[in-house]
């Protein structure tokens, strides 16, 4: 299935120094979940793995957060959230403070 993927700044500029703005792509997903997606992206792109997903631990790296179709991953089923054709998955940095 094909899903839309966006990586927003700060993460995008950390993955690709000198990049301005977001990274947008379509990914042909072999699996069915967000976990499958991040594993596949991390296998294909070492920069994604080093900034967004820790393959050894099997978790997102801080400060990465994921939004699936405008819903925070934390409010869904986490990395086990099922994806469907044409879903939109956005990776962004969490911001805290005040």
C-alpha atoms as a PDB file:
ATOM      1  CA  UNK A   1       0.000   0.000   0.000  1.00  0.00           C
ATOM      2  CA  UNK A   2       1.171   3.538  -0.660  1.00  0.00           C
ATOM      3  CA  UNK A   3       1.274   6.070   2.203  1.00  0.00           C
ATOM      4  CA  UNK A   4       2.252   9.729   2.237  1.00  0.00           C
ATOM      5  CA  UNK A   5       5.131  10.631   4.538  1.00  0.00           C
ATOM      6  CA  UNK A   6       6.237  14.074   5.682  1.00  0.00           C
ATOM      7  CA  UNK A   7       9.140  14.943   7.924  1.00  0.00           C
ATOM      8  CA  UNK A   8       8.834  18.474   9.295  1.00  0.00           C
ATOM      9  CA  UNK A   9      11.632  20.816  10.393  1.00  0.00           C
ATOM     10  CA  UNK A  10      13.557  20.372  12.980  1.00  0.00           C
ATOM     11  CA  UNK A  11      13.717  16.659  12.133  1.00  0.00           C
ATOM     12  CA  UNK A  12      14.137  17.266   8.396  1.00  0.00           C
ATOM     13  CA  UNK A  13      17.020  19.676   8.888  1.00  0.00           C
ATOM     14  CA  UNK A  14      18.658  17.235  11.305  1.00  0.00           C
ATOM     15  CA  UNK A  15      18.345  14.438   8.746  1.00  0.00           C
ATOM     16  CA  UNK A  16      19.531  16.545   5.819  1.00  0.00           C
ATOM     17  CA  UNK A  17      21.750  19.424   6.980  1.00  0.00           C
ATOM     18  CA  UNK A  18      21.280  22.369   4.663  1.00  0.00           C
ATOM     19  CA  UNK A  19      17.701  21.356   3.893  1.00  0.00           C
ATOM     20  CA  UNK A  20      15.050  23.963   4.472  1.00  0.00           C
ATOM     21  CA  UNK A  21      11.449  22.981   4.950  1.00  0.00           C
ATOM     22  CA  UNK A  22       9.826  19.619   5.005  1.00  0.00           C
ATOM     23  CA  UNK A  23      10.715  16.343   3.342  1.00  0.00           C
ATOM     24  CA  UNK A  24       7.715  14.862   1.509  1.00  0.00           C
ATOM     25  CA  UNK A  25       7.531  11.467  -0.165  1.00  0.00           C
ATOM     26  CA  UNK A  26       5.264   8.560  -0.950  1.00  0.00           C
ATOM     27  CA  UNK A  27       6.311   5.182   0.410  1.00  0.00           C
ATOM     28  CA  UNK A  28       5.201   1.782  -0.836  1.00  0.00           C
ATOM     29  CA  UNK A  29       4.628   0.084   2.522  1.00  0.00           C
ATOM     30  CA  UNK A  30       5.211  -3.666   2.652  1.00  0.00           C
ATOM     31  CA  UNK A  31       3.780  -3.901   6.194  1.00  0.00           C
ATOM     32  CA  UNK A  32       0.545  -2.667   7.722  1.00  0.00           C
ATOM     33  CA  UNK A  33       1.437  -0.586  10.799  1.00  0.00           C
ATOM     34  CA  UNK A  34       3.300   2.572  11.757  1.00  0.00           C
ATOM     35  CA  UNK A  35       5.935   0.284  13.319  1.00  0.00           C
ATOM     36  CA  UNK A  36       6.413  -1.401   9.921  1.00  0.00           C
ATOM     37  CA  UNK A  37       6.683   2.011   8.268  1.00  0.00           C
ATOM     38  CA  UNK A  38       9.359   3.355  10.602  1.00  0.00           C
ATOM     39  CA  UNK A  39      11.330   0.103  10.344  1.00  0.00           C
ATOM     40  CA  UNK A  40      11.220   0.252   6.541  1.00  0.00           C
ATOM     41  CA  UNK A  41      12.197   3.932   6.449  1.00  0.00           C
ATOM     42  CA  UNK A  42      15.037   3.346   8.940  1.00  0.00           C
ATOM     43  CA  UNK A  43      16.363   0.453   6.831  1.00  0.00           C
ATOM     44  CA  UNK A  44      16.357   2.602   3.696  1.00  0.00           C
ATOM     45  CA  UNK A  45      17.716   5.792   5.259  1.00  0.00           C
ATOM     46  CA  UNK A  46      20.402   5.843   7.961  1.00  0.00           C
ATOM     47  CA  UNK A  47      19.708   9.530   8.647  1.00  0.00           C
ATOM     48  CA  UNK A  48      16.060   8.685   9.426  1.00  0.00           C
ATOM     49  CA  UNK A  49      17.235   5.956  11.805  1.00  0.00           C
ATOM     50  CA  UNK A  50      19.700   8.245  13.536  1.00  0.00           C
ATOM     51  CA  UNK A  51      17.166  11.058  14.059  1.00  0.00           C
ATOM     52  CA  UNK A  52      13.725   9.440  14.243  1.00  0.00           C
ATOM     53  CA  UNK A  53      13.759   5.687  14.986  1.00  0.00           C
ATOM     54  CA  UNK A  54      16.060   3.598  17.157  1.00  0.00           C
ATOM     55  CA  UNK A  55      16.124   0.179  15.477  1.00  0.00           C
ATOM     56  CA  UNK A  56      17.855  -1.527  18.403  1.00  0.00           C
ATOM     57  CA  UNK A  57      15.284  -0.429  20.976  1.00  0.00           C
ATOM     58  CA  UNK A  58      12.342  -0.432  18.548  1.00  0.00           C
ATOM     59  CA  UNK A  59      11.112   3.001  19.599  1.00  0.00           C
ATOM     60  CA  UNK A  60      10.941   6.536  18.318  1.00  0.00           C
ATOM     61  CA  UNK A  61      13.844   8.726  19.348  1.00  0.00           C
ATOM     62  CA  UNK A  62      13.133  11.812  21.445  1.00  0.00           C
ATOM     63  CA  UNK A  63      11.934  14.393  20.365  1.00  0.00           C
ATOM     64  CA  UNK A  64      10.205  12.683  17.403  1.00  0.00           C
ATOM     65  CA  UNK A  65       6.421  12.375  17.454  1.00  0.00           C
ATOM     66  CA  UNK A  66       4.100  10.974  14.812  1.00  0.00           C
ATOM     67  CA  UNK A  67       0.765  12.192  13.508  1.00  0.00           C
ATOM     68  CA  UNK A  68      -1.408   9.826  11.447  1.00  0.00           C
ATOM     69  CA  UNK A  69      -4.193  11.493   9.485  1.00  0.00           C
ATOM     70  CA  UNK A  70      -4.171  14.481  11.873  1.00  0.00           C
ATOM     71  CA  UNK A  71      -4.255  12.315  15.033  1.00  0.00           C
ATOM     72  CA  UNK A  72      -1.367  11.994  17.481  1.00  0.00           C
ATOM     73  CA  UNK A  73       0.019   8.470  17.459  1.00  0.00           C
ATOM     74  CA  UNK A  74      -0.102   8.453  21.276  1.00  0.00           C
ATOM     75  CA  UNK A  75      -3.900   8.785  21.116  1.00  0.00           C
ATOM     76  CA  UNK A  76      -4.212   5.862  18.677  1.00  0.00           C
ATOM     77  CA  UNK A  77      -2.587   2.441  19.134  1.00  0.00           C
ATOM     78  CA  UNK A  78       0.976   3.751  19.228  1.00  0.00           C
ATOM     79  CA  UNK A  79       3.412   2.144  16.806  1.00  0.00           C
ATOM     80  CA  UNK A  80       0.912  -0.693  16.286  1.00  0.00           C
ATOM     81  CA  UNK A  81      -1.570   1.707  14.650  1.00  0.00           C
ATOM     82  CA  UNK A  82      -2.809   0.174  11.394  1.00  0.00           C
ATOM     83  CA  UNK A  83      -2.332   2.133   8.190  1.00  0.00           C
ATOM     84  CA  UNK A  84      -4.461   2.101   5.047  1.00  0.00           C
ATOM     85  CA  UNK A  85      -3.899   3.098   1.443  1.00  0.00           C
ATOM     86  CA  UNK A  86      -3.249   6.864   1.054  1.00  0.00           C
ATOM     87  CA  UNK A  87      -2.907   7.507   4.794  1.00  0.00           C
ATOM     88  CA  UNK A  88      -0.778  10.488   5.759  1.00  0.00           C
ATOM     89  CA  UNK A  89       2.010  10.034   8.321  1.00  0.00           C
ATOM     90  CA  UNK A  90       3.848  13.098   9.607  1.00  0.00           C
ATOM     91  CA  UNK A  91       7.011  13.054  11.698  1.00  0.00           C
ATOM     92  CA  UNK A  92       7.747  16.163  13.744  1.00  0.00           C
ATOM     93  CA  UNK A  93       9.611  17.238  16.834  1.00  0.00           C
ATOM     94  CA  UNK A  94       7.766  17.686  20.096  1.00  0.00           C
ATOM     95  CA  UNK A  95       8.113  21.109  21.616  1.00  0.00           C
ATOM     96  CA  UNK A  96       7.911  21.755  25.338  1.00  0.00           C
ATOM     97  CA  UNK A  97       8.468  24.739  27.521  1.00  0.00           C
ATOM     98  CA  UNK A  98       6.821  27.990  27.980  1.00  0.00           C
END
